[in-house]
């Protein structure tokens, strides 16, 4: 039995991930389902802590 043709190619996925990188969007992870659906989750940037008035000295 022949192998099923890939629903998404490596070059397509690379193109998607490079587009995110070029747009400055951090990538947390990506998922590819059996039907070829690609879901890319962005990494949540670390929240900036509130400035402490005691640190201004």
PDB file of N, CA and C in Angstrom:
ATOM      1  N   UNK A   1       0.839  -1.180   0.000  1.00  0.00           N
ATOM      2  CA  UNK A   1       0.000   0.000   0.000  1.00  0.00           C
ATOM      3  C   UNK A   1       0.889   1.251   0.000  1.00  0.00           C
ATOM      4  N   UNK A   2       0.620   2.168  -0.875  1.00  0.00           N
ATOM      5  CA  UNK A   2       1.418   3.380  -1.003  1.00  0.00           C
ATOM      6  C   UNK A   2       1.132   4.341   0.142  1.00  0.00           C
ATOM      7  N   UNK A   3       2.153   5.092   0.499  1.00  0.00           N
ATOM      8  CA  UNK A   3       1.995   6.092   1.551  1.00  0.00           C
ATOM      9  C   UNK A   3       1.128   7.241   1.039  1.00  0.00           C
ATOM     10  N   UNK A   4       0.360   7.805   1.939  1.00  0.00           N
ATOM     11  CA  UNK A   4      -0.517   8.921   1.580  1.00  0.00           C
ATOM     12  C   UNK A   4       0.316  10.179   1.339  1.00  0.00           C
ATOM     13  N   UNK A   5      -0.068  10.973   0.377  1.00  0.00           N
ATOM     14  CA  UNK A   5       0.632  12.213   0.066  1.00  0.00           C
ATOM     15  C   UNK A   5       0.490  13.186   1.249  1.00  0.00           C
ATOM     16  N   UNK A   6       1.567  13.883   1.534  1.00  0.00           N
ATOM     17  CA  UNK A   6       1.562  14.843   2.633  1.00  0.00           C
ATOM     18  C   UNK A   6       0.561  15.963   2.355  1.00  0.00           C
ATOM     19  N   UNK A   7      -0.183  16.321   3.375  1.00  0.00           N
ATOM     20  CA  UNK A   7      -1.167  17.409   3.227  1.00  0.00           C
ATOM     21  C   UNK A   7      -0.497  18.775   3.252  1.00  0.00           C
ATOM     22  N   UNK A   8       0.625  18.864   3.935  1.00  0.00           N
ATOM     23  CA  UNK A   8       1.387  20.111   3.978  1.00  0.00           C
ATOM     24  C   UNK A   8       2.856  19.745   3.797  1.00  0.00           C
ATOM     25  N   UNK A   9       3.555  20.544   3.045  1.00  0.00           N
ATOM     26  CA  UNK A   9       4.961  20.248   2.800  1.00  0.00           C
ATOM     27  C   UNK A   9       5.845  21.007   3.781  1.00  0.00           C
ATOM     28  N   UNK A  10       7.063  20.567   3.896  1.00  0.00           N
ATOM     29  CA  UNK A  10       8.005  21.216   4.785  1.00  0.00           C
ATOM     30  C   UNK A  10       8.251  22.657   4.339  1.00  0.00           C
ATOM     31  N   UNK A  11       8.302  22.872   3.037  1.00  0.00           N
ATOM     32  CA  UNK A  11       8.552  24.231   2.545  1.00  0.00           C
ATOM     33  C   UNK A  11       7.390  25.164   2.887  1.00  0.00           C
ATOM     34  N   UNK A  12       6.162  24.663   2.870  1.00  0.00           N
ATOM     35  CA  UNK A  12       5.015  25.491   3.256  1.00  0.00           C
ATOM     36  C   UNK A  12       5.094  25.875   4.733  1.00  0.00           C
ATOM     37  N   UNK A  13       5.401  24.889   5.579  1.00  0.00           N
ATOM     38  CA  UNK A  13       5.503  25.173   7.005  1.00  0.00           C
ATOM     39  C   UNK A  13       6.634  26.145   7.284  1.00  0.00           C
ATOM     40  N   UNK A  14       7.751  25.975   6.606  1.00  0.00           N
ATOM     41  CA  UNK A  14       8.878  26.894   6.759  1.00  0.00           C
ATOM     42  C   UNK A  14       8.477  28.309   6.367  1.00  0.00           C
ATOM     43  N   UNK A  15       7.722  28.427   5.291  1.00  0.00           N
ATOM     44  CA  UNK A  15       7.252  29.742   4.834  1.00  0.00           C
ATOM     45  C   UNK A  15       6.371  30.401   5.898  1.00  0.00           C
ATOM     46  N   UNK A  16       5.460  29.619   6.504  1.00  0.00           N
ATOM     47  CA  UNK A  16       4.585  30.153   7.556  1.00  0.00           C
ATOM     48  C   UNK A  16       5.404  30.653   8.742  1.00  0.00           C
ATOM     49  N   UNK A  17       6.340  29.826   9.198  1.00  0.00           N
ATOM     50  CA  UNK A  17       7.119  30.179  10.380  1.00  0.00           C
ATOM     51  C   UNK A  17       8.037  31.368  10.122  1.00  0.00           C
ATOM     52  N   UNK A  18       8.596  31.461   8.920  1.00  0.00           N
ATOM     53  CA  UNK A  18       9.429  32.610   8.577  1.00  0.00           C
ATOM     54  C   UNK A  18       8.603  33.885   8.517  1.00  0.00           C
ATOM     55  N   UNK A  19       7.375  33.788   8.068  1.00  0.00           N
ATOM     56  CA  UNK A  19       6.503  34.957   8.012  1.00  0.00           C
ATOM     57  C   UNK A  19       6.229  35.484   9.425  1.00  0.00           C
ATOM     58  N   UNK A  20       6.005  34.577  10.358  1.00  0.00           N
ATOM     59  CA  UNK A  20       5.815  35.002  11.753  1.00  0.00           C
ATOM     60  C   UNK A  20       7.082  35.666  12.275  1.00  0.00           C
ATOM     61  N   UNK A  21       8.227  35.025  12.026  1.00  0.00           N
ATOM     62  CA  UNK A  21       9.499  35.566  12.494  1.00  0.00           C
ATOM     63  C   UNK A  21       9.746  36.952  11.909  1.00  0.00           C
ATOM     64  N   UNK A  22       9.520  37.121  10.606  1.00  0.00           N
ATOM     65  CA  UNK A  22       9.755  38.402   9.946  1.00  0.00           C
ATOM     66  C   UNK A  22       8.807  39.489  10.452  1.00  0.00           C
ATOM     67  N   UNK A  23       7.623  39.087  10.916  1.00  0.00           N
ATOM     68  CA  UNK A  23       6.669  40.045  11.455  1.00  0.00           C
ATOM     69  C   UNK A  23       6.954  40.371  12.925  1.00  0.00           C
ATOM     70  N   UNK A  24       7.930  39.679  13.499  1.00  0.00           N
ATOM     71  CA  UNK A  24       8.287  39.944  14.897  1.00  0.00           C
ATOM     72  C   UNK A  24       7.377  39.267  15.894  1.00  0.00           C
ATOM     73  N   UNK A  25       6.644  38.249  15.460  1.00  0.00           N
ATOM     74  CA  UNK A  25       5.729  37.537  16.348  1.00  0.00           C
ATOM     75  C   UNK A  25       6.453  36.301  16.884  1.00  0.00           C
ATOM     76  N   UNK A  26       6.630  36.214  18.205  1.00  0.00           N
ATOM     77  CA  UNK A  26       7.332  35.044  18.753  1.00  0.00           C
ATOM     78  C   UNK A  26       6.466  33.791  18.657  1.00  0.00           C
ATOM     79  N   UNK A  27       7.064  32.699  18.238  1.00  0.00           N
ATOM     80  CA  UNK A  27       6.338  31.443  18.059  1.00  0.00           C
ATOM     81  C   UNK A  27       6.550  30.574  19.284  1.00  0.00           C
ATOM     82  N   UNK A  28       5.431  30.155  19.880  1.00  0.00           N
ATOM     83  CA  UNK A  28       5.508  29.276  21.035  1.00  0.00           C
ATOM     84  C   UNK A  28       5.572  27.822  20.613  1.00  0.00           C
ATOM     85  N   UNK A  29       4.665  27.437  19.744  1.00  0.00           N
ATOM     86  CA  UNK A  29       4.634  26.065  19.232  1.00  0.00           C
ATOM     87  C   UNK A  29       3.721  26.027  18.019  1.00  0.00           C
ATOM     88  N   UNK A  30       3.792  24.924  17.292  1.00  0.00           N
ATOM     89  CA  UNK A  30       2.911  24.744  16.144  1.00  0.00           C
ATOM     90  C   UNK A  30       2.374  23.325  16.159  1.00  0.00           C
ATOM     91  N   UNK A  31       1.179  23.168  15.644  1.00  0.00           N
ATOM     92  CA  UNK A  31       0.541  21.858  15.564  1.00  0.00           C
ATOM     93  C   UNK A  31       0.060  21.633  14.140  1.00  0.00           C
ATOM     94  N   UNK A  32       0.244  20.418  13.666  1.00  0.00           N
ATOM     95  CA  UNK A  32      -0.225  20.048  12.337  1.00  0.00           C
ATOM     96  C   UNK A  32      -1.121  18.833  12.514  1.00  0.00           C
ATOM     97  N   UNK A  33      -2.388  18.958  12.117  1.00  0.00           N
ATOM     98  CA  UNK A  33      -3.315  17.839  12.261  1.00  0.00           C
ATOM     99  C   UNK A  33      -3.236  16.939  11.032  1.00  0.00           C
ATOM    100  N   UNK A  34      -3.851  15.799  11.121  1.00  0.00           N
ATOM    101  CA  UNK A  34      -3.805  14.825  10.027  1.00  0.00           C
ATOM    102  C   UNK A  34      -4.451  15.345   8.751  1.00  0.00           C
ATOM    103  N   UNK A  35      -5.406  16.268   8.889  1.00  0.00           N
ATOM    104  CA  UNK A  35      -6.052  16.792   7.685  1.00  0.00           C
ATOM    105  C   UNK A  35      -5.282  17.954   7.059  1.00  0.00           C
ATOM    106  N   UNK A  36      -4.105  18.294   7.621  1.00  0.00           N
ATOM    107  CA  UNK A  36      -3.267  19.333   7.049  1.00  0.00           C
ATOM    108  C   UNK A  36      -3.470  20.708   7.645  1.00  0.00           C
ATOM    109  N   UNK A  37      -4.326  20.812   8.650  1.00  0.00           N
ATOM    110  CA  UNK A  37      -4.553  22.097   9.302  1.00  0.00           C
ATOM    111  C   UNK A  37      -3.334  22.458  10.146  1.00  0.00           C
ATOM    112  N   UNK A  38      -2.858  23.674   9.972  1.00  0.00           N
ATOM    113  CA  UNK A  38      -1.701  24.150  10.731  1.00  0.00           C
ATOM    114  C   UNK A  38      -2.191  25.207  11.711  1.00  0.00           C
ATOM    115  N   UNK A  39      -1.833  25.018  12.985  1.00  0.00           N
ATOM    116  CA  UNK A  39      -2.156  25.995  14.022  1.00  0.00           C
ATOM    117  C   UNK A  39      -0.843  26.440  14.637  1.00  0.00           C
ATOM    118  N   UNK A  40      -0.596  27.741  14.626  1.00  0.00           N
ATOM    119  CA  UNK A  40       0.634  28.295  15.180  1.00  0.00           C
ATOM    120  C   UNK A  40       0.260  29.126  16.394  1.00  0.00           C
ATOM    121  N   UNK A  41       0.827  28.760  17.533  1.00  0.00           N
ATOM    122  CA  UNK A  41       0.569  29.479  18.780  1.00  0.00           C
ATOM    123  C   UNK A  41       1.727  30.440  19.031  1.00  0.00           C
ATOM    124  N   UNK A  42       1.395  31.646  19.386  1.00  0.00           N
ATOM    125  CA  UNK A  42       2.433  32.620  19.683  1.00  0.00           C
ATOM    126  C   UNK A  42       2.882  32.454  21.124  1.00  0.00           C
ATOM    127  N   UNK A  43       4.134  32.776  21.357  1.00  0.00           N
ATOM    128  CA  UNK A  43       4.678  32.747  22.702  1.00  0.00           C
ATOM    129  C   UNK A  43       4.227  34.016  23.405  1.00  0.00           C
ATOM    130  N   UNK A  44       3.811  33.882  24.618  1.00  0.00           N
ATOM    131  CA  UNK A  44       3.389  35.066  25.358  1.00  0.00           C
ATOM    132  C   UNK A  44       4.621  35.774  25.886  1.00  0.00           C
ATOM    133  N   UNK A  45       4.767  37.033  25.547  1.00  0.00           N
ATOM    134  CA  UNK A  45       5.931  37.767  26.049  1.00  0.00           C
ATOM    135  C   UNK A  45       5.816  37.952  27.555  1.00  0.00           C
ATOM    136  N   UNK A  46       6.952  38.012  28.193  1.00  0.00           N
ATOM    137  CA  UNK A  46       6.948  38.220  29.643  1.00  0.00           C
ATOM    138  C   UNK A  46       6.350  39.586  29.935  1.00  0.00           C
ATOM    139  N   UNK A  47       5.462  39.636  30.908  1.00  0.00           N
ATOM    140  CA  UNK A  47       4.841  40.905  31.262  1.00  0.00           C
ATOM    141  C   UNK A  47       5.852  41.770  32.002  1.00  0.00           C
ATOM    142  N   UNK A  48       5.798  43.023  31.713  1.00  0.00           N
ATOM    143  CA  UNK A  48       6.699  43.935  32.387  1.00  0.00           C
ATOM    144  C   UNK A  48       6.187  44.175  33.796  1.00  0.00           C
ATOM    145  N   UNK A  49       7.080  44.052  34.734  1.00  0.00           N
ATOM    146  CA  UNK A  49       6.696  44.276  36.114  1.00  0.00           C
ATOM    147  C   UNK A  49       6.525  45.766  36.334  1.00  0.00           C
ATOM    148  N   UNK A  50       5.607  46.078  37.241  1.00  0.00           N
ATOM    149  CA  UNK A  50       5.410  47.486  37.566  1.00  0.00           C
ATOM    150  C   UNK A  50       6.685  48.030  38.199  1.00  0.00           C
ATOM    151  N   UNK A  51       6.981  49.269  37.878  1.00  0.00           N
ATOM    152  CA  UNK A  51       8.179  49.870  38.441  1.00  0.00           C
ATOM    153  C   UNK A  51       7.956  50.146  39.925  1.00  0.00           C
ATOM    154  N   UNK A  52       8.916  49.761  40.686  1.00  0.00           N
ATOM    155  CA  UNK A  52       8.865  49.960  42.131  1.00  0.00           C
ATOM    156  C   UNK A  52       9.453  51.318  42.454  1.00  0.00           C
ATOM    157  N   UNK A  53       8.706  52.195  43.148  1.00  0.00           N
ATOM    158  CA  UNK A  53       9.234  53.521  43.465  1.00  0.00           C
ATOM    159  C   UNK A  53      10.511  53.458  44.302  1.00  0.00           C
ATOM    160  N   UNK A  54      10.724  52.384  45.031  1.00  0.00           N
ATOM    161  CA  UNK A  54      11.920  52.239  45.851  1.00  0.00           C
ATOM    162  C   UNK A  54      13.161  52.017  44.988  1.00  0.00           C
ATOM    163  N   UNK A  55      12.962  51.528  43.755  1.00  0.00           N
ATOM    164  CA  UNK A  55      14.090  51.273  42.876  1.00  0.00           C
ATOM    165  C   UNK A  55      14.618  52.532  42.197  1.00  0.00           C
ATOM    166  N   UNK A  56      13.928  53.659  42.325  1.00  0.00           N
ATOM    167  CA  UNK A  56      14.316  54.883  41.645  1.00  0.00           C
ATOM    168  C   UNK A  56      15.468  55.584  42.335  1.00  0.00           C
ATOM    169  N   UNK A  57      15.772  55.189  43.527  1.00  0.00           N
ATOM    170  CA  UNK A  57      16.822  55.875  44.302  1.00  0.00           C
ATOM    171  C   UNK A  57      18.195  55.617  43.758  1.00  0.00           C
TER     172      UNK A  57
END
